[in-house]
Structures are given as structure tokens and as C-alpha cells.
């Protein structure tokens, strides 16, 4: 029974990691398109703690910057099972990334305007998954720190 639980745990960890890597890679790649540059405007511009990105980088540059961070994070996450330092960097970057995206839910309207709480509107439906991704990022960070200290 222990072998089965170990195998299931390994499969679950692989799926969880893939569930973070895939969106980071795919959405990170989209950050280099004009469609995503436009889509980010209300999110970045409407969130006081992110709005500094536009004066610093411009609209396209801010999108490209976010895309680079997301893609680098995804690649580090891929390496994390074999390299504890990559896991620490990936876990830290992913944690900051998903804390940031979750924080957008505090600044912008996420509830459906007609139905109100608890019905999520389009923005809330898009962002709510980031709570789970944040949890996985924190687990990767914690486990990688543990491996780093025992190595």
C-alpha cells in the first residue's frame, strides 16, 4: 500500500507542477502579443501597486517584462525537482507572481455586476485559480528550501 501511495503522490506532484508551468509558459508567451498588451491595461493600470510598471517600461515593455518573469519562473519550476536552488528561485518567483495576481482581486471588481457576491464575474473567474497556483508555489518553495538545507 505504501508503494501505491508514494506513486500517487509522485503523480500528483507532477500534475500540480505541470498545472503551474503550463499557464506560466502559455500566458507568459502571450505577453509578447498586442492582444495581451491591451488586455493587461485595466489590470495593471487599475491596480495602484502595479501601475508603476507603465511609467517604468511603457505598456508593451511592462507586458514583455511580465512575460519574461513568467517564462523564467516556468523554466525554473521544470528544473526544480532536480535542482533545489532552482526550486527556491522558482518557488519565490511564483509566490510573488501569484500573490500579485491574487492581490488584483482586492483592487478590481471581481463579482458579477448583476448577481453580486458570491457570483464571480469574468475577471474573478480568470483570477480565482491563482489562489491554488499560489499554494503550489509556496509548497515548491518550502520543499526546495528543505532540500537545500539537507543537502
N, C-alpha and C. Protein backbone atom coordinates (compact mmCIF):
# COMPACT_ATOMS: atom_id res chain seq x y z
N UNK A 1 0.83 -1.20 0.00
CA UNK A 1 0.00 0.00 0.00
C UNK A 1 0.87 1.25 0.00
N UNK A 2 2.00 1.18 0.68
CA UNK A 2 2.88 2.34 0.75
C UNK A 2 3.43 2.70 -0.63
N UNK A 3 3.77 1.69 -1.45
CA UNK A 3 4.26 1.95 -2.80
C UNK A 3 3.21 2.65 -3.63
N UNK A 4 1.96 2.25 -3.48
CA UNK A 4 0.87 2.88 -4.23
C UNK A 4 0.72 4.34 -3.81
N UNK A 5 0.77 4.59 -2.52
CA UNK A 5 0.60 5.98 -2.07
C UNK A 5 1.78 6.84 -2.51
N UNK A 6 2.97 6.28 -2.50
CA UNK A 6 4.15 7.02 -2.98
C UNK A 6 4.02 7.35 -4.46
N UNK A 7 3.57 6.37 -5.24
CA UNK A 7 3.39 6.60 -6.68
C UNK A 7 2.30 7.63 -6.96
N UNK A 8 1.21 7.54 -6.23
CA UNK A 8 0.12 8.51 -6.40
C UNK A 8 0.61 9.91 -6.03
N UNK A 9 1.39 10.00 -4.96
CA UNK A 9 1.94 11.30 -4.55
C UNK A 9 2.86 11.86 -5.63
N UNK A 10 3.71 11.02 -6.23
CA UNK A 10 4.60 11.47 -7.30
C UNK A 10 3.81 11.96 -8.51
N UNK A 11 2.77 11.22 -8.86
CA UNK A 11 1.93 11.62 -9.99
C UNK A 11 1.23 12.95 -9.67
N UNK A 12 0.73 13.06 -8.46
CA UNK A 12 0.07 14.30 -8.04
C UNK A 12 1.00 15.49 -8.07
N UNK A 13 2.23 15.30 -7.62
CA UNK A 13 3.21 16.38 -7.65
C UNK A 13 3.53 16.79 -9.09
N UNK A 14 3.66 15.79 -9.97
CA UNK A 14 3.94 16.09 -11.38
C UNK A 14 2.78 16.89 -11.99
N UNK A 15 1.56 16.46 -11.73
CA UNK A 15 0.38 17.16 -12.27
C UNK A 15 0.29 18.58 -11.70
N UNK A 16 0.54 18.72 -10.40
CA UNK A 16 0.49 20.05 -9.78
C UNK A 16 1.54 20.97 -10.39
N UNK A 17 2.75 20.45 -10.57
CA UNK A 17 3.81 21.26 -11.17
C UNK A 17 3.46 21.63 -12.61
N UNK A 18 2.95 20.66 -13.37
CA UNK A 18 2.52 20.95 -14.75
C UNK A 18 1.39 21.97 -14.77
N UNK A 19 0.53 21.93 -13.76
CA UNK A 19 -0.57 22.86 -13.66
C UNK A 19 -0.13 24.29 -13.39
N UNK A 20 1.09 24.46 -12.92
CA UNK A 20 1.65 25.81 -12.74
C UNK A 20 2.50 26.18 -13.95
N UNK A 21 3.30 25.23 -14.42
CA UNK A 21 4.22 25.50 -15.53
C UNK A 21 3.46 25.86 -16.81
N UNK A 22 2.44 25.10 -17.15
CA UNK A 22 1.73 25.33 -18.41
C UNK A 22 1.11 26.72 -18.50
N UNK A 23 0.34 27.16 -17.51
CA UNK A 23 -0.20 28.52 -17.61
C UNK A 23 0.89 29.59 -17.65
N UNK A 24 1.95 29.40 -16.87
CA UNK A 24 3.02 30.39 -16.89
C UNK A 24 3.67 30.48 -18.27
N UNK A 25 3.92 29.33 -18.89
CA UNK A 25 4.52 29.34 -20.22
C UNK A 25 3.58 29.91 -21.27
N UNK A 26 2.33 29.44 -21.25
CA UNK A 26 1.38 29.86 -22.28
C UNK A 26 1.00 31.33 -22.14
N UNK A 27 0.66 31.73 -20.93
CA UNK A 27 0.26 33.12 -20.71
C UNK A 27 1.48 34.03 -20.78
N UNK A 28 2.63 33.54 -20.31
CA UNK A 28 3.86 34.31 -20.44
C UNK A 28 4.20 34.57 -21.90
N UNK A 29 4.00 33.58 -22.75
CA UNK A 29 4.23 33.77 -24.19
C UNK A 29 3.27 34.77 -24.81
N UNK A 30 2.04 34.76 -24.33
CA UNK A 30 1.05 35.72 -24.84
C UNK A 30 1.41 37.16 -24.52
N UNK A 31 2.20 37.35 -23.45
CA UNK A 31 2.56 38.71 -23.05
C UNK A 31 3.34 39.45 -24.15
N UNK A 32 3.80 38.73 -25.16
CA UNK A 32 4.54 39.35 -26.26
C UNK A 32 3.65 39.67 -27.45
N UNK A 33 2.32 39.58 -27.24
CA UNK A 33 1.38 39.91 -28.31
C UNK A 33 0.64 41.19 -27.97
N UNK A 34 0.20 41.89 -29.00
CA UNK A 34 -0.54 43.14 -28.79
C UNK A 34 -1.87 42.89 -28.07
N UNK A 35 -2.46 41.73 -28.33
CA UNK A 35 -3.72 41.39 -27.67
C UNK A 35 -3.55 41.38 -26.16
N UNK A 36 -2.46 40.78 -25.69
CA UNK A 36 -2.22 40.71 -24.25
C UNK A 36 -1.80 42.07 -23.69
N UNK A 37 -1.05 42.84 -24.46
CA UNK A 37 -0.68 44.20 -24.03
C UNK A 37 -1.96 44.98 -23.75
N UNK A 38 -2.94 44.87 -24.64
CA UNK A 38 -4.23 45.57 -24.46
C UNK A 38 -5.01 45.00 -23.29
N UNK A 39 -5.01 43.67 -23.15
CA UNK A 39 -5.78 43.02 -22.08
C UNK A 39 -5.25 43.38 -20.70
N UNK A 40 -3.96 43.66 -20.60
CA UNK A 40 -3.37 44.00 -19.31
C UNK A 40 -3.68 45.42 -18.84
N UNK A 41 -4.05 46.30 -19.76
CA UNK A 41 -4.24 47.71 -19.40
C UNK A 41 -5.15 47.93 -18.20
N UNK A 42 -6.35 47.34 -18.17
CA UNK A 42 -7.19 47.60 -16.99
C UNK A 42 -6.65 46.93 -15.72
N UNK A 43 -5.94 45.82 -15.87
CA UNK A 43 -5.41 45.13 -14.70
C UNK A 43 -4.24 45.89 -14.10
N UNK A 44 -3.27 46.22 -14.92
CA UNK A 44 -2.08 46.92 -14.44
C UNK A 44 -2.42 48.37 -14.10
N UNK A 45 -3.10 49.04 -15.01
CA UNK A 45 -3.44 50.44 -14.80
C UNK A 45 -4.42 50.65 -13.66
N UNK A 46 -5.26 49.67 -13.38
CA UNK A 46 -6.27 49.81 -12.33
C UNK A 46 -5.84 49.32 -10.97
N UNK A 47 -4.63 48.83 -10.87
CA UNK A 47 -4.12 48.32 -9.59
C UNK A 47 -2.99 49.24 -9.14
N UNK A 48 -3.21 50.00 -8.05
CA UNK A 48 -2.22 51.01 -7.65
C UNK A 48 -0.80 50.47 -7.49
N UNK A 49 -0.64 49.26 -6.97
CA UNK A 49 0.71 48.74 -6.72
C UNK A 49 1.34 48.14 -7.98
N UNK A 50 0.60 48.13 -9.10
CA UNK A 50 1.18 47.67 -10.37
C UNK A 50 1.32 48.79 -11.39
N UNK A 51 0.62 49.87 -11.16
CA UNK A 51 0.57 50.96 -12.15
C UNK A 51 1.95 51.55 -12.45
N UNK A 52 2.91 51.43 -11.54
CA UNK A 52 4.26 51.94 -11.76
C UNK A 52 4.94 51.28 -12.96
N UNK A 53 4.47 50.09 -13.34
CA UNK A 53 5.08 49.39 -14.47
C UNK A 53 4.99 50.19 -15.76
N UNK A 54 3.88 50.91 -15.95
CA UNK A 54 3.71 51.66 -17.20
C UNK A 54 4.69 52.82 -17.33
N UNK A 55 4.83 53.68 -16.31
CA UNK A 55 5.85 54.72 -16.45
C UNK A 55 7.27 54.16 -16.56
N UNK A 56 7.51 53.03 -15.89
CA UNK A 56 8.85 52.45 -15.90
C UNK A 56 9.20 51.78 -17.23
N UNK A 57 8.24 51.06 -17.83
CA UNK A 57 8.54 50.24 -19.01
C UNK A 57 7.69 50.57 -20.23
N UNK A 58 6.63 51.35 -20.07
CA UNK A 58 5.66 51.54 -21.14
C UNK A 58 4.70 50.36 -21.16
N UNK A 59 3.63 50.46 -21.91
CA UNK A 59 2.62 49.40 -21.91
C UNK A 59 3.17 48.09 -22.46
N UNK A 60 3.80 48.13 -23.63
CA UNK A 60 4.35 46.91 -24.22
C UNK A 60 5.50 46.38 -23.37
N UNK A 61 6.37 47.28 -22.92
CA UNK A 61 7.51 46.85 -22.11
C UNK A 61 7.09 46.19 -20.81
N UNK A 62 6.03 46.70 -20.18
CA UNK A 62 5.52 46.08 -18.95
C UNK A 62 5.01 44.67 -19.25
N UNK A 63 4.31 44.52 -20.35
CA UNK A 63 3.82 43.20 -20.73
C UNK A 63 4.98 42.25 -21.01
N UNK A 64 5.99 42.74 -21.72
CA UNK A 64 7.16 41.90 -22.02
C UNK A 64 7.89 41.51 -20.74
N UNK A 65 8.03 42.48 -19.83
CA UNK A 65 8.68 42.21 -18.54
C UNK A 65 7.95 41.09 -17.79
N UNK A 66 6.63 41.22 -17.71
CA UNK A 66 5.84 40.18 -17.03
C UNK A 66 5.98 38.84 -17.74
N UNK A 67 6.00 38.86 -19.06
CA UNK A 67 6.17 37.61 -19.82
C UNK A 67 7.50 36.95 -19.54
N UNK A 68 8.55 37.74 -19.47
CA UNK A 68 9.88 37.19 -19.18
C UNK A 68 9.90 36.56 -17.78
N UNK A 69 9.33 37.27 -16.81
CA UNK A 69 9.27 36.73 -15.44
C UNK A 69 8.49 35.42 -15.43
N UNK A 70 7.37 35.36 -16.12
CA UNK A 70 6.55 34.15 -16.12
C UNK A 70 7.27 32.98 -16.80
N UNK A 71 7.91 33.23 -17.93
CA UNK A 71 8.61 32.16 -18.64
C UNK A 71 9.82 31.67 -17.85
N UNK A 72 10.60 32.58 -17.28
CA UNK A 72 11.76 32.19 -16.46
C UNK A 72 11.29 31.38 -15.26
N UNK A 73 10.20 31.81 -14.63
CA UNK A 73 9.65 31.08 -13.49
C UNK A 73 9.26 29.67 -13.90
N UNK A 74 8.58 29.53 -15.04
CA UNK A 74 8.16 28.22 -15.53
C UNK A 74 9.36 27.31 -15.77
N UNK A 75 10.41 27.84 -16.40
CA UNK A 75 11.60 27.04 -16.69
C UNK A 75 12.30 26.61 -15.40
N UNK A 76 12.36 27.50 -14.43
CA UNK A 76 12.94 27.14 -13.13
C UNK A 76 12.09 26.07 -12.44
N UNK A 77 10.77 26.18 -12.57
CA UNK A 77 9.90 25.16 -11.98
C UNK A 77 10.14 23.79 -12.61
N UNK A 78 10.38 23.77 -13.91
CA UNK A 78 10.68 22.50 -14.60
C UNK A 78 11.94 21.88 -14.00
N UNK A 79 12.94 22.70 -13.70
CA UNK A 79 14.20 22.20 -13.15
C UNK A 79 14.11 21.88 -11.66
N UNK A 80 13.09 22.38 -10.99
CA UNK A 80 13.02 22.30 -9.52
C UNK A 80 13.06 20.89 -8.93
N UNK A 81 12.50 19.86 -9.57
CA UNK A 81 12.61 18.53 -8.94
C UNK A 81 14.05 18.02 -8.83
N UNK A 82 14.93 18.50 -9.68
CA UNK A 82 16.31 18.03 -9.70
C UNK A 82 17.29 19.01 -9.09
N UNK A 83 16.91 20.27 -8.99
CA UNK A 83 17.83 21.30 -8.50
C UNK A 83 17.12 22.13 -7.44
N UNK A 84 17.55 21.96 -6.19
CA UNK A 84 16.90 22.65 -5.08
C UNK A 84 16.99 24.16 -5.23
N UNK A 85 18.13 24.67 -5.70
CA UNK A 85 18.26 26.12 -5.85
C UNK A 85 17.30 26.66 -6.91
N UNK A 86 17.14 25.91 -7.98
CA UNK A 86 16.15 26.31 -9.00
C UNK A 86 14.76 26.30 -8.38
N UNK A 87 14.50 25.32 -7.51
CA UNK A 87 13.21 25.25 -6.84
C UNK A 87 12.97 26.42 -5.91
N UNK A 88 14.02 26.85 -5.20
CA UNK A 88 13.88 28.01 -4.31
C UNK A 88 13.58 29.26 -5.14
N UNK A 89 14.35 29.45 -6.21
CA UNK A 89 14.13 30.62 -7.07
C UNK A 89 12.75 30.56 -7.71
N UNK A 90 12.39 29.39 -8.23
CA UNK A 90 11.08 29.22 -8.87
C UNK A 90 9.95 29.43 -7.88
N UNK A 91 10.08 28.81 -6.70
CA UNK A 91 9.04 28.95 -5.69
C UNK A 91 8.87 30.39 -5.24
N UNK A 92 10.00 31.10 -5.08
CA UNK A 92 9.93 32.51 -4.66
C UNK A 92 9.31 33.36 -5.76
N UNK A 93 9.77 33.19 -7.01
CA UNK A 93 9.21 33.97 -8.13
C UNK A 93 7.73 33.67 -8.33
N UNK A 94 7.36 32.39 -8.27
CA UNK A 94 5.96 32.01 -8.46
C UNK A 94 5.10 32.54 -7.32
N UNK A 95 5.62 32.49 -6.10
CA UNK A 95 4.86 33.01 -4.96
C UNK A 95 4.60 34.51 -5.12
N UNK A 96 5.62 35.26 -5.50
CA UNK A 96 5.44 36.69 -5.72
C UNK A 96 4.48 36.94 -6.88
N UNK A 97 4.63 36.17 -7.95
CA UNK A 97 3.75 36.31 -9.11
C UNK A 97 2.29 36.10 -8.72
N UNK A 98 2.02 35.01 -8.03
CA UNK A 98 0.62 34.69 -7.71
C UNK A 98 0.08 35.50 -6.54
N UNK A 99 0.94 35.95 -5.63
CA UNK A 99 0.48 36.92 -4.63
C UNK A 99 0.03 38.20 -5.33
N UNK A 100 0.80 38.59 -6.34
CA UNK A 100 0.47 39.80 -7.09
C UNK A 100 -0.84 39.64 -7.83
N UNK A 101 -1.00 38.52 -8.56
CA UNK A 101 -2.25 38.34 -9.31
C UNK A 101 -3.45 38.18 -8.37
N UNK A 102 -3.24 37.51 -7.24
CA UNK A 102 -4.34 37.40 -6.27
C UNK A 102 -4.70 38.76 -5.69
N UNK A 103 -3.69 39.61 -5.52
CA UNK A 103 -3.95 40.93 -4.95
C UNK A 103 -4.80 41.80 -5.87
N UNK A 104 -4.78 41.50 -7.15
CA UNK A 104 -5.62 42.25 -8.09
C UNK A 104 -7.09 42.10 -7.72
N UNK A 105 -7.43 40.96 -7.14
CA UNK A 105 -8.82 40.73 -6.73
C UNK A 105 -9.26 41.68 -5.63
N UNK A 106 -8.30 42.26 -4.91
CA UNK A 106 -8.62 43.24 -3.87
C UNK A 106 -8.82 44.63 -4.45
N UNK A 107 -8.27 44.89 -5.64
CA UNK A 107 -8.30 46.24 -6.20
C UNK A 107 -9.37 46.43 -7.26
N UNK A 108 -9.73 45.36 -7.94
CA UNK A 108 -10.66 45.49 -9.07
C UNK A 108 -11.93 44.68 -8.80
N UNK A 109 -13.04 45.04 -9.45
CA UNK A 109 -14.29 44.31 -9.22
C UNK A 109 -14.25 42.90 -9.80
N UNK A 110 -14.44 41.92 -8.94
CA UNK A 110 -14.41 40.53 -9.39
C UNK A 110 -15.79 39.86 -9.37
N UNK A 111 -16.78 40.53 -8.80
CA UNK A 111 -18.11 39.93 -8.69
C UNK A 111 -18.95 40.29 -9.91
N UNK A 112 -19.83 39.40 -10.29
CA UNK A 112 -20.74 39.67 -11.39
C UNK A 112 -21.61 40.87 -11.02
N UNK A 113 -21.66 41.90 -11.89
CA UNK A 113 -22.39 43.12 -11.54
C UNK A 113 -23.88 42.88 -11.31
N UNK A 114 -24.48 41.95 -12.03
CA UNK A 114 -25.92 41.71 -11.89
C UNK A 114 -26.23 40.82 -10.68
N UNK A 115 -25.39 39.85 -10.42
CA UNK A 115 -25.67 38.87 -9.36
C UNK A 115 -24.99 39.19 -8.04
N UNK A 116 -23.85 39.91 -8.09
CA UNK A 116 -23.12 40.24 -6.87
C UNK A 116 -22.48 39.03 -6.24
N UNK A 117 -21.97 39.23 -5.03
CA UNK A 117 -21.32 38.16 -4.27
C UNK A 117 -22.29 37.02 -4.05
N UNK A 118 -21.91 35.77 -4.21
CA UNK A 118 -20.60 35.20 -4.49
C UNK A 118 -20.39 34.86 -5.98
N UNK A 119 -21.20 35.41 -6.86
CA UNK A 119 -21.08 35.10 -8.29
C UNK A 119 -19.90 35.86 -8.89
N UNK A 120 -18.91 35.12 -9.36
CA UNK A 120 -17.74 35.75 -9.95
C UNK A 120 -18.04 36.26 -11.34
N UNK A 121 -17.54 37.44 -11.63
CA UNK A 121 -17.60 37.98 -12.97
C UNK A 121 -16.43 37.45 -13.78
N UNK A 122 -16.26 37.93 -15.01
CA UNK A 122 -15.17 37.42 -15.86
C UNK A 122 -13.78 37.58 -15.23
N UNK A 123 -13.48 38.72 -14.62
CA UNK A 123 -12.17 38.91 -14.02
C UNK A 123 -11.97 37.97 -12.83
N UNK A 124 -12.97 37.85 -12.00
CA UNK A 124 -12.89 36.94 -10.85
C UNK A 124 -12.71 35.49 -11.29
N UNK A 125 -13.43 35.10 -12.34
CA UNK A 125 -13.30 33.73 -12.86
C UNK A 125 -11.90 33.48 -13.40
N UNK A 126 -11.30 34.50 -13.98
CA UNK A 126 -9.95 34.37 -14.52
C UNK A 126 -8.91 34.29 -13.40
N UNK A 127 -9.08 35.06 -12.34
CA UNK A 127 -8.06 35.18 -11.31
C UNK A 127 -8.17 34.17 -10.17
N UNK A 128 -9.34 33.63 -9.92
CA UNK A 128 -9.55 32.79 -8.73
C UNK A 128 -8.64 31.56 -8.71
N UNK A 129 -8.29 31.04 -9.88
CA UNK A 129 -7.40 29.87 -9.96
C UNK A 129 -6.03 30.17 -9.40
N UNK A 130 -5.66 31.44 -9.38
CA UNK A 130 -4.33 31.81 -8.90
C UNK A 130 -4.15 31.54 -7.41
N UNK A 131 -5.24 31.40 -6.68
CA UNK A 131 -5.14 31.03 -5.26
C UNK A 131 -4.53 29.63 -5.16
N UNK A 132 -4.99 28.68 -5.98
CA UNK A 132 -4.43 27.33 -5.98
C UNK A 132 -2.99 27.34 -6.48
N UNK A 133 -2.73 28.13 -7.52
CA UNK A 133 -1.36 28.21 -8.05
C UNK A 133 -0.41 28.80 -7.00
N UNK A 134 -0.89 29.75 -6.22
CA UNK A 134 -0.10 30.30 -5.13
C UNK A 134 0.23 29.21 -4.11
N UNK A 135 -0.74 28.39 -3.79
CA UNK A 135 -0.49 27.29 -2.84
C UNK A 135 0.58 26.34 -3.33
N UNK A 136 0.54 25.99 -4.61
CA UNK A 136 1.56 25.10 -5.17
C UNK A 136 2.92 25.79 -5.15
N UNK A 137 2.95 27.07 -5.47
CA UNK A 137 4.22 27.82 -5.45
C UNK A 137 4.84 27.81 -4.05
N UNK A 138 4.02 28.00 -3.04
CA UNK A 138 4.53 28.00 -1.66
C UNK A 138 5.05 26.62 -1.28
N UNK A 139 4.36 25.56 -1.72
CA UNK A 139 4.83 24.20 -1.46
C UNK A 139 6.18 23.96 -2.13
N UNK A 140 6.32 24.36 -3.40
CA UNK A 140 7.60 24.21 -4.11
C UNK A 140 8.70 24.96 -3.36
N UNK A 141 8.43 26.17 -2.94
CA UNK A 141 9.41 26.96 -2.20
C UNK A 141 9.80 26.26 -0.90
N UNK A 142 8.81 25.84 -0.14
CA UNK A 142 9.09 25.18 1.15
C UNK A 142 9.85 23.88 1.00
N UNK A 143 9.42 23.04 0.05
CA UNK A 143 10.11 21.77 -0.15
C UNK A 143 11.54 21.98 -0.67
N UNK A 144 11.71 22.96 -1.55
CA UNK A 144 13.04 23.23 -2.09
C UNK A 144 13.97 23.78 -1.02
N UNK A 145 13.46 24.66 -0.17
CA UNK A 145 14.27 25.14 0.96
C UNK A 145 14.68 24.00 1.85
N UNK A 146 13.76 23.07 2.09
CA UNK A 146 14.07 21.90 2.92
C UNK A 146 15.15 21.04 2.28
N UNK A 147 15.08 20.82 0.97
CA UNK A 147 16.10 20.02 0.28
C UNK A 147 17.45 20.75 0.27
N UNK A 148 17.41 22.06 0.16
CA UNK A 148 18.64 22.84 0.14
C UNK A 148 19.37 22.74 1.47
N UNK A 149 18.61 22.74 2.56
CA UNK A 149 19.22 22.69 3.90
C UNK A 149 19.66 21.30 4.29
N UNK A 150 19.14 20.26 3.66
CA UNK A 150 19.54 18.89 3.99
C UNK A 150 20.62 18.38 3.06
N UNK A 151 20.90 19.13 2.00
CA UNK A 151 21.91 18.68 1.03
C UNK A 151 23.31 18.96 1.51
